[in-house]
N, C-alpha and C. Protein backbone atom coordinates (compact mmCIF):
# COMPACT_ATOMS: atom_id res chain seq x y z
N MET A 1 7.04 -9.35 -12.92
CA MET A 1 8.52 -8.81 -12.35
C MET A 1 9.21 -8.26 -13.21
N GLU A 2 9.99 -7.37 -13.00
CA GLU A 2 10.96 -6.89 -13.93
C GLU A 2 12.30 -7.82 -13.24
N THR A 3 13.05 -8.18 -14.08
CA THR A 3 14.65 -8.58 -13.84
C THR A 3 15.63 -7.43 -14.19
N GLY A 4 16.37 -7.78 -13.51
CA GLY A 4 17.74 -7.20 -13.69
C GLY A 4 18.06 -6.35 -14.89
N ASP A 5 17.94 -7.16 -16.06
CA ASP A 5 18.00 -7.45 -17.28
C ASP A 5 16.86 -6.11 -17.78
N ASP A 6 15.81 -6.10 -17.54
CA ASP A 6 14.60 -5.28 -17.62
C ASP A 6 14.91 -3.95 -17.38
N LEU A 7 15.70 -3.82 -16.01
CA LEU A 7 15.68 -2.63 -15.54
C LEU A 7 17.02 -1.73 -16.29
N ARG A 8 17.89 -2.47 -16.69
CA ARG A 8 19.11 -1.57 -17.22
C ARG A 8 18.63 -0.47 -18.20
N PHE A 9 19.52 0.83 -17.95
CA PHE A 9 19.20 1.94 -18.80
C PHE A 9 19.58 2.07 -20.00
N ASP A 10 20.63 1.57 -20.36
CA ASP A 10 20.97 1.57 -21.73
C ASP A 10 21.41 0.01 -22.30
N ARG A 11 20.68 -0.19 -23.43
CA ARG A 11 20.56 -1.53 -23.87
C ARG A 11 21.29 -1.27 -25.32
N GLY A 12 22.47 -0.67 -25.53
CA GLY A 12 23.25 -0.15 -26.75
C GLY A 12 22.22 0.47 -27.84
N GLU A 13 22.57 -0.24 -28.81
CA GLU A 13 21.75 0.08 -30.00
C GLU A 13 20.24 -0.25 -30.04
N GLN A 14 19.94 -0.93 -28.93
CA GLN A 14 18.42 -1.15 -28.70
C GLN A 14 17.87 0.16 -27.93
N THR A 15 18.52 0.78 -27.47
CA THR A 15 17.95 2.08 -26.97
C THR A 15 18.19 3.34 -27.68
N PRO A 16 16.99 4.14 -28.21
CA PRO A 16 17.11 5.04 -28.97
C PRO A 16 18.26 6.29 -28.07
N PRO A 17 18.91 7.02 -28.93
CA PRO A 17 19.90 7.85 -28.30
C PRO A 17 18.75 8.99 -27.53
N ARG A 18 17.65 9.07 -28.08
CA ARG A 18 17.06 10.20 -27.28
C ARG A 18 16.21 9.77 -25.94
N LEU A 19 16.18 8.61 -25.81
CA LEU A 19 15.85 8.11 -24.50
C LEU A 19 17.17 8.04 -23.44
N ARG A 20 17.94 7.55 -23.97
CA ARG A 20 19.42 7.69 -23.31
C ARG A 20 19.55 9.04 -22.73
N GLY A 21 19.21 10.12 -23.38
CA GLY A 21 19.71 11.20 -22.98
C GLY A 21 18.21 11.81 -21.93
N GLN A 22 17.54 11.24 -22.04
CA GLN A 22 16.70 11.49 -20.71
C GLN A 22 16.78 11.55 -19.43
N LEU A 23 17.24 12.68 -18.58
CA LEU A 23 17.28 12.56 -16.88
C LEU A 23 16.36 11.95 -16.52
N SER A 24 14.96 12.03 -16.78
CA SER A 24 13.74 11.65 -16.31
C SER A 24 14.16 9.91 -16.14
N ARG A 25 14.19 9.48 -17.42
CA ARG A 25 14.47 7.92 -17.78
C ARG A 25 15.81 7.32 -16.79
N LEU A 26 16.73 8.04 -16.91
CA LEU A 26 18.05 7.67 -16.19
C LEU A 26 17.90 7.73 -14.53
N VAL A 27 17.36 8.80 -14.03
CA VAL A 27 16.70 8.95 -12.55
C VAL A 27 15.78 7.97 -12.27
N GLY A 28 15.09 7.88 -13.13
CA GLY A 28 14.10 6.94 -12.60
C GLY A 28 14.22 5.35 -12.96
N MET A 29 15.36 4.96 -13.66
CA MET A 29 15.56 3.29 -13.87
C MET A 29 16.52 3.35 -12.68
N THR A 30 17.32 4.27 -12.36
CA THR A 30 18.27 4.05 -11.21
C THR A 30 17.45 3.76 -9.55
N ALA A 31 16.27 4.49 -9.87
CA ALA A 31 15.56 4.69 -8.37
C ALA A 31 14.95 3.20 -8.29
N VAL A 32 14.71 2.61 -9.35
CA VAL A 32 13.85 1.51 -9.55
C VAL A 32 14.97 0.22 -9.00
N GLN A 33 16.30 0.18 -9.64
CA GLN A 33 17.23 -0.61 -9.20
C GLN A 33 17.64 -0.40 -7.66
N LEU A 34 17.77 0.96 -7.41
CA LEU A 34 17.96 1.03 -5.79
C LEU A 34 17.07 0.53 -5.01
N ARG A 35 15.61 0.60 -5.12
CA ARG A 35 14.58 0.03 -4.79
C ARG A 35 14.66 -1.31 -4.44
N ARG A 36 14.99 -1.98 -5.53
CA ARG A 36 14.99 -3.67 -5.69
C ARG A 36 16.13 -3.97 -4.85
N VAL A 37 17.38 -3.25 -4.68
CA VAL A 37 18.29 -3.70 -4.18
C VAL A 37 18.12 -3.44 -2.48
N ALA A 38 17.48 -2.58 -2.22
CA ALA A 38 17.29 -2.26 -0.65
C ALA A 38 16.46 -3.26 0.02
N ASN A 39 14.86 -3.29 -1.05
CA ASN A 39 13.88 -4.11 -0.31
C ASN A 39 14.55 -5.57 -0.66
N GLU A 40 15.59 -5.74 -1.36
CA GLU A 40 16.01 -7.31 -0.93
C GLU A 40 16.84 -7.66 0.13
N ALA A 41 17.68 -6.62 0.27
CA ALA A 41 18.52 -6.60 1.81
C ALA A 41 17.65 -6.55 2.86
N LEU A 42 16.51 -5.65 3.09
CA LEU A 42 15.77 -5.59 4.20
C LEU A 42 14.85 -6.79 4.21
N GLY A 43 14.81 -7.30 3.29
CA GLY A 43 13.92 -8.78 3.24
C GLY A 43 14.55 -9.59 3.62
N ASP A 44 15.66 -9.73 3.55
CA ASP A 44 16.87 -10.86 4.10
C ASP A 44 16.85 -10.83 5.60
N VAL A 45 16.50 -9.87 5.99
CA VAL A 45 16.36 -9.72 7.63
C VAL A 45 15.05 -9.40 7.84
N GLY A 46 13.92 -9.73 7.35
CA GLY A 46 12.79 -10.07 7.54
C GLY A 46 11.99 -8.77 7.91
N ALA A 47 12.57 -7.47 6.93
CA ALA A 47 11.68 -6.40 7.35
C ALA A 47 11.74 -5.56 5.88
N ARG A 48 11.05 -4.53 5.96
CA ARG A 48 10.44 -3.65 4.84
C ARG A 48 11.02 -2.38 4.93
N LYS A 49 10.70 -1.60 3.92
CA LYS A 49 11.39 0.16 3.54
C LYS A 49 10.38 0.55 5.02
N ASP A 50 9.40 0.52 4.99
CA ASP A 50 8.26 0.99 5.93
C ASP A 50 8.59 0.98 7.38
N HIS A 51 9.18 -0.12 7.56
CA HIS A 51 9.48 -0.43 8.85
C HIS A 51 10.66 0.47 9.56
N PHE A 52 11.72 0.44 8.52
CA PHE A 52 12.90 1.54 8.82
C PHE A 52 12.24 3.01 9.03
N VAL A 53 11.41 3.29 8.11
CA VAL A 53 10.86 4.75 8.09
C VAL A 53 10.30 5.17 9.36
N VAL A 54 9.47 4.10 9.70
CA VAL A 54 8.48 4.30 10.81
C VAL A 54 9.38 4.57 11.96
N LEU A 55 10.19 3.03 12.40
CA LEU A 55 11.28 3.25 13.37
C LEU A 55 12.08 4.54 13.44
N ALA A 56 12.76 4.83 12.32
CA ALA A 56 13.37 6.40 12.23
C ALA A 56 12.86 7.37 12.56
N THR A 57 11.57 7.64 12.07
CA THR A 57 10.67 8.58 12.65
C THR A 57 10.38 8.90 13.96
N LEU A 58 9.97 7.49 14.51
CA LEU A 58 9.76 7.57 15.96
C LEU A 58 10.83 7.78 16.77
N ALA A 59 12.23 7.43 16.47
CA ALA A 59 13.26 7.72 16.97
C ALA A 59 13.91 8.95 17.25
N GLU A 60 13.46 9.76 15.98
CA GLU A 60 14.02 11.13 15.85
C GLU A 60 12.84 11.90 16.53
N PHE A 61 11.83 11.76 16.00
CA PHE A 61 10.74 12.73 16.46
C PHE A 61 9.79 12.34 18.02
N GLY A 62 10.04 11.48 18.36
CA GLY A 62 9.54 10.76 19.71
C GLY A 62 7.96 10.17 19.02
N PRO A 63 7.37 9.62 20.52
CA PRO A 63 5.96 9.18 20.16
C PRO A 63 4.79 10.04 19.67
N ALA A 64 4.33 9.62 18.77
CA ALA A 64 3.04 9.86 18.17
C ALA A 64 1.66 9.48 17.72
N SER A 65 1.06 10.04 17.65
CA SER A 65 -0.52 9.15 17.20
C SER A 65 -0.17 8.66 15.92
N GLN A 66 -1.28 7.77 15.49
CA GLN A 66 -1.26 7.15 13.82
C GLN A 66 -1.28 8.22 12.90
N SER A 67 -2.39 9.12 13.42
CA SER A 67 -2.48 9.90 12.24
C SER A 67 -1.19 10.90 12.11
N THR A 68 -0.39 11.25 13.08
CA THR A 68 0.64 12.41 12.93
C THR A 68 1.56 11.54 12.28
N LEU A 69 1.87 10.43 12.77
CA LEU A 69 2.89 9.20 12.12
C LEU A 69 2.76 9.29 10.68
N SER A 70 1.51 8.98 10.11
CA SER A 70 0.92 9.00 9.10
C SER A 70 1.57 10.21 8.05
N THR A 71 1.33 11.24 8.72
CA THR A 71 1.75 12.46 8.03
C THR A 71 3.18 12.98 8.14
N TRP A 72 4.02 12.50 8.88
CA TRP A 72 5.39 12.20 9.20
C TRP A 72 6.17 11.66 7.97
N THR A 73 5.40 10.38 7.89
CA THR A 73 5.90 9.27 7.21
C THR A 73 5.88 9.32 5.63
N ARG A 74 4.31 10.07 5.54
CA ARG A 74 3.43 9.88 4.19
C ARG A 74 3.32 8.40 3.71
N ILE A 75 2.85 7.66 5.10
CA ILE A 75 2.33 6.34 4.63
C ILE A 75 1.14 6.64 4.78
N TYR A 76 0.31 5.80 4.02
CA TYR A 76 -1.16 5.77 3.98
C TYR A 76 -1.63 5.29 5.38
N SER A 77 -2.81 5.67 5.95
CA SER A 77 -3.11 5.15 7.26
C SER A 77 -3.41 3.76 6.86
N SER A 78 -4.10 3.50 6.07
CA SER A 78 -4.55 1.89 6.11
C SER A 78 -3.13 0.86 5.98
N ASP A 79 -2.28 1.68 5.28
CA ASP A 79 -1.03 0.74 5.26
C ASP A 79 -0.34 1.22 6.41
N LEU A 80 -0.18 1.99 7.40
CA LEU A 80 0.33 2.15 8.38
C LEU A 80 0.14 1.22 9.53
N VAL A 81 -1.32 0.94 9.47
CA VAL A 81 -1.79 -0.08 10.60
C VAL A 81 -0.99 -1.55 10.35
N SER A 82 -0.87 -1.68 9.10
CA SER A 82 -0.02 -3.26 8.65
C SER A 82 1.22 -3.22 9.28
N VAL A 83 1.90 -2.16 9.10
CA VAL A 83 3.30 -1.87 9.44
C VAL A 83 3.45 -1.91 10.95
N LEU A 84 2.41 -1.14 11.57
CA LEU A 84 2.37 -1.00 13.07
C LEU A 84 2.01 -2.33 13.48
N ASN A 85 1.32 -2.96 12.87
CA ASN A 85 0.81 -4.51 13.37
C ASN A 85 2.20 -5.44 13.47
N ASP A 86 3.06 -5.04 12.32
CA ASP A 86 4.42 -5.95 12.08
C ASP A 86 5.43 -5.24 13.08
N LEU A 87 5.32 -4.17 13.73
CA LEU A 87 6.42 -3.81 14.51
C LEU A 87 5.98 -4.21 16.11
N ALA A 88 4.35 -4.25 16.21
CA ALA A 88 4.35 -4.17 17.49
C ALA A 88 3.99 -5.78 17.83
N SER A 89 3.93 -6.56 16.93
CA SER A 89 3.75 -8.07 17.22
C SER A 89 5.45 -8.51 17.35
N ALA A 90 6.19 -7.66 17.04
CA ALA A 90 7.52 -8.31 17.05
C ALA A 90 8.46 -7.43 18.40
N GLY A 91 7.71 -6.26 19.18
CA GLY A 91 8.13 -5.87 20.02
C GLY A 91 8.72 -4.60 19.84
N PHE A 92 8.94 -3.93 18.54
CA PHE A 92 9.64 -2.96 18.46
C PHE A 92 8.81 -1.44 18.48
N VAL A 93 7.66 -1.77 18.80
CA VAL A 93 7.06 -0.48 19.18
C VAL A 93 5.72 -0.78 20.26
N GLU A 94 5.14 0.06 20.69
CA GLU A 94 4.20 -0.29 21.95
C GLU A 94 3.02 0.82 21.02
N ARG A 95 1.87 0.39 21.33
CA ARG A 95 0.68 1.02 21.30
C ARG A 95 -0.03 1.34 22.90
N SER A 96 -0.23 3.07 23.04
CA SER A 96 -0.63 3.06 24.36
C SER A 96 -1.90 4.01 24.18
N PRO A 97 -2.85 4.08 24.92
CA PRO A 97 -3.98 5.22 24.86
C PRO A 97 -3.33 6.39 25.06
N ASP A 98 -3.93 7.43 24.26
CA ASP A 98 -3.22 9.10 24.67
C ASP A 98 -3.69 9.23 25.73
N PRO A 99 -3.05 10.04 26.66
CA PRO A 99 -3.41 10.67 28.03
C PRO A 99 -4.55 11.79 27.55
N VAL A 100 -4.75 12.77 26.82
CA VAL A 100 -5.15 13.51 26.21
C VAL A 100 -6.44 13.11 25.47
N ASP A 101 -6.42 12.34 24.49
CA ASP A 101 -7.78 11.65 23.92
C ASP A 101 -7.61 10.03 23.89
N LYS A 102 -8.29 9.55 24.87
CA LYS A 102 -8.46 8.04 24.94
C LYS A 102 -8.63 7.59 23.66
N ARG A 103 -9.57 8.45 22.83
CA ARG A 103 -10.11 7.32 21.42
C ARG A 103 -8.73 7.13 20.58
N ARG A 104 -7.62 7.50 21.00
CA ARG A 104 -6.43 7.42 20.03
C ARG A 104 -5.30 7.05 20.68
N ASN A 105 -4.39 6.04 19.81
CA ASN A 105 -3.27 5.65 20.43
C ASN A 105 -2.00 6.28 20.03
N VAL A 106 -1.26 6.45 21.18
CA VAL A 106 0.05 6.86 20.84
C VAL A 106 1.32 5.77 20.62
N ILE A 107 2.13 5.96 19.50
CA ILE A 107 2.94 4.86 19.10
C ILE A 107 4.32 5.43 19.76
N THR A 108 5.08 4.19 20.42
CA THR A 108 6.26 4.90 20.75
C THR A 108 7.16 3.39 20.49
N VAL A 109 8.56 4.15 20.16
CA VAL A 109 9.41 3.06 19.67
C VAL A 109 9.93 2.12 21.29
N THR A 110 10.32 1.04 21.21
CA THR A 110 10.86 0.56 22.07
C THR A 110 12.26 0.01 22.31
N ASP A 111 12.94 -0.47 23.34
CA ASP A 111 14.41 -0.45 23.40
C ASP A 111 14.77 -1.75 22.24
N ASP A 112 13.91 -2.46 22.08
CA ASP A 112 14.25 -3.63 20.81
C ASP A 112 14.15 -2.96 19.53
N GLY A 113 12.80 -1.80 19.44
CA GLY A 113 12.99 -0.91 18.53
C GLY A 113 14.11 -0.32 18.16
N HIS A 114 15.02 0.31 18.86
CA HIS A 114 15.86 1.41 18.41
C HIS A 114 17.12 0.18 18.19
N ALA A 115 17.13 -0.94 18.87
CA ALA A 115 18.23 -2.09 18.40
C ALA A 115 17.64 -2.58 17.01
N ARG A 116 16.50 -2.70 16.51
CA ARG A 116 16.10 -3.07 15.36
C ARG A 116 16.48 -2.19 14.13
N LEU A 117 16.17 -0.74 14.82
CA LEU A 117 16.56 0.62 13.56
C LEU A 117 17.79 0.59 13.51
N ASP A 118 18.95 0.43 14.70
CA ASP A 118 20.29 0.38 14.22
C ASP A 118 20.58 -0.72 13.26
N GLU A 119 20.11 -2.22 13.60
CA GLU A 119 20.21 -3.29 12.37
C GLU A 119 19.77 -2.93 11.11
N LEU A 120 18.85 -2.19 10.91
CA LEU A 120 18.19 -1.98 9.82
C LEU A 120 19.08 -0.99 9.11
N GLY A 121 19.57 0.23 9.91
CA GLY A 121 20.48 1.09 9.27
C GLY A 121 21.77 0.61 8.83
N ARG A 122 22.49 -0.27 9.51
CA ARG A 122 23.44 -1.06 8.99
C ARG A 122 23.17 -1.50 7.48
N VAL A 123 21.70 -2.31 7.24
CA VAL A 123 21.79 -3.08 6.23
C VAL A 123 21.84 -1.87 5.13
N LEU A 124 20.86 -0.99 5.52
CA LEU A 124 20.91 0.19 4.31
C LEU A 124 22.40 0.92 4.26
N ASP A 125 22.88 0.87 5.12
CA ASP A 125 24.45 1.49 4.82
C ASP A 125 25.24 0.53 3.85
N GLY A 126 24.96 -0.63 4.16
CA GLY A 126 25.56 -1.94 3.03
C GLY A 126 25.01 -1.61 1.43
N VAL A 127 24.04 -1.14 2.04
CA VAL A 127 23.11 -1.22 0.13
C VAL A 127 23.63 0.22 -0.24
N ASN A 128 23.79 1.32 0.38
CA ASN A 128 24.29 2.47 -0.30
C ASN A 128 25.66 2.61 -0.73
N GLU A 129 26.73 1.51 0.43
CA GLU A 129 27.89 1.46 -0.03
C GLU A 129 27.94 0.54 -1.40
N HIS A 130 27.10 -0.45 -1.54
CA HIS A 130 27.24 -1.30 -2.75
C HIS A 130 27.03 -0.56 -4.10
N VAL A 131 25.85 0.54 -3.73
CA VAL A 131 25.23 1.43 -4.74
C VAL A 131 26.42 2.09 -5.36
N MET A 132 27.00 2.86 -4.06
CA MET A 132 28.05 3.92 -4.63
C MET A 132 29.26 3.47 -4.75
N ALA A 133 29.54 2.23 -4.74
CA ALA A 133 30.95 1.86 -5.01
C ALA A 133 31.70 2.48 -6.07
N PRO A 134 31.24 2.59 -7.34
CA PRO A 134 32.12 2.95 -8.04
C PRO A 134 32.51 4.70 -7.98
N LEU A 135 31.98 5.30 -6.96
CA LEU A 135 32.00 6.68 -6.61
C LEU A 135 33.13 6.75 -5.40
N ASP A 136 34.15 8.01 -5.70
CA ASP A 136 34.98 8.30 -4.42
C ASP A 136 34.24 9.01 -3.48
N ALA A 137 34.71 9.51 -2.24
CA ALA A 137 33.73 10.27 -1.15
C ALA A 137 33.53 11.71 -1.66
N GLY A 138 34.58 12.48 -2.72
CA GLY A 138 34.06 13.50 -3.10
C GLY A 138 32.97 13.54 -3.94
N GLU A 139 33.14 12.43 -4.96
CA GLU A 139 31.73 12.43 -5.85
C GLU A 139 30.64 11.78 -4.80
N ARG A 140 30.68 11.19 -4.10
CA ARG A 140 29.17 10.85 -3.39
C ARG A 140 28.71 12.17 -2.89
N ALA A 141 29.62 13.05 -1.80
CA ALA A 141 29.29 14.12 -1.43
C ALA A 141 28.51 15.05 -2.66
N GLN A 142 29.04 15.07 -3.78
CA GLN A 142 28.79 15.69 -5.00
C GLN A 142 27.33 15.58 -5.51
N LEU A 143 27.34 14.17 -5.50
CA LEU A 143 25.97 13.58 -5.86
C LEU A 143 24.77 14.01 -4.79
N PHE A 144 25.02 13.63 -3.87
CA PHE A 144 23.97 14.35 -2.86
C PHE A 144 23.61 15.75 -2.86
N ALA A 145 24.94 16.45 -3.03
CA ALA A 145 24.40 17.82 -3.18
C ALA A 145 23.69 18.30 -4.42
N LEU A 146 24.09 17.66 -5.62
CA LEU A 146 23.38 18.12 -6.88
C LEU A 146 22.07 17.73 -6.73
N LEU A 147 21.72 16.21 -6.05
CA LEU A 147 20.51 15.83 -6.01
C LEU A 147 19.53 16.73 -4.80
N GLU A 148 20.17 17.36 -4.08
CA GLU A 148 19.44 18.15 -3.20
C GLU A 148 19.06 19.36 -3.80
N ARG A 149 20.07 19.94 -4.67
CA ARG A 149 19.49 21.09 -5.22
C ARG A 149 18.45 20.70 -6.19
N ILE A 150 18.58 19.65 -6.90
CA ILE A 150 17.44 19.43 -7.97
C ILE A 150 16.02 19.39 -7.33
N ASN A 151 15.96 18.72 -6.13
CA ASN A 151 14.72 18.18 -5.63
C ASN A 151 14.52 19.74 -4.76
N ALA A 152 15.37 20.63 -4.39
CA ALA A 152 14.74 21.90 -3.84
C ALA A 152 14.23 22.76 -4.84
N ARG A 153 14.64 22.91 -5.82
CA ARG A 153 14.15 23.34 -7.46
C ARG A 153 12.67 22.78 -7.54
N LEU A 154 12.67 21.56 -7.78
CA LEU A 154 11.39 20.93 -8.05
C LEU A 154 10.26 21.40 -6.92
N ASN A 155 10.53 21.57 -5.47
CA ASN A 155 9.98 21.75 -4.47
C ASN A 155 9.16 22.89 -4.38
N GLU A 156 10.06 23.68 -5.53
CA GLU A 156 9.54 25.33 -5.30
C GLU A 156 8.21 25.49 -6.04
N PRO A 157 7.38 26.63 -5.41
CA PRO A 157 6.17 26.76 -5.88
C PRO A 157 6.27 27.35 -7.34
N GLU A 158 5.54 26.89 -8.52
CA GLU A 158 5.42 27.28 -9.67
C GLU A 158 5.15 29.05 -9.69
N GLN A 159 5.85 29.39 -10.76
CA GLN A 159 5.87 30.97 -10.85
C GLN A 159 4.97 31.35 -12.33
């Protein structure tokens, strides 16, 4: 397992300038550290990132089959089963037969699931606040806008 020191982007003279100047390295290291902080914070309340992703998706888009939910969340079907088992055993989602196709289940977020989603949202808001503490409101908005532009560009078909 990597430690915080292993994840530092710049090790001063131990990091060649050519590496320090690579956007992919900086963004990648930042993503790894952000994921670590978020996972630790969610773990402190007995949750995982995929719990939040599934609950948020169901809350926003409504009930869905496991197959549809897998597509929407980009969680592999086999991994999604484990996530849904966790959420169902805690009473955060319900599985019920699809009225159109009895061979599949429809997943619905429960009232307790909505409350859990709110709790996890507050946890992740705290993570965001911690990570973005060095930036003022304008810089935060600018960072999001710039990252959205870069992601939109990378999502364009190759010409």
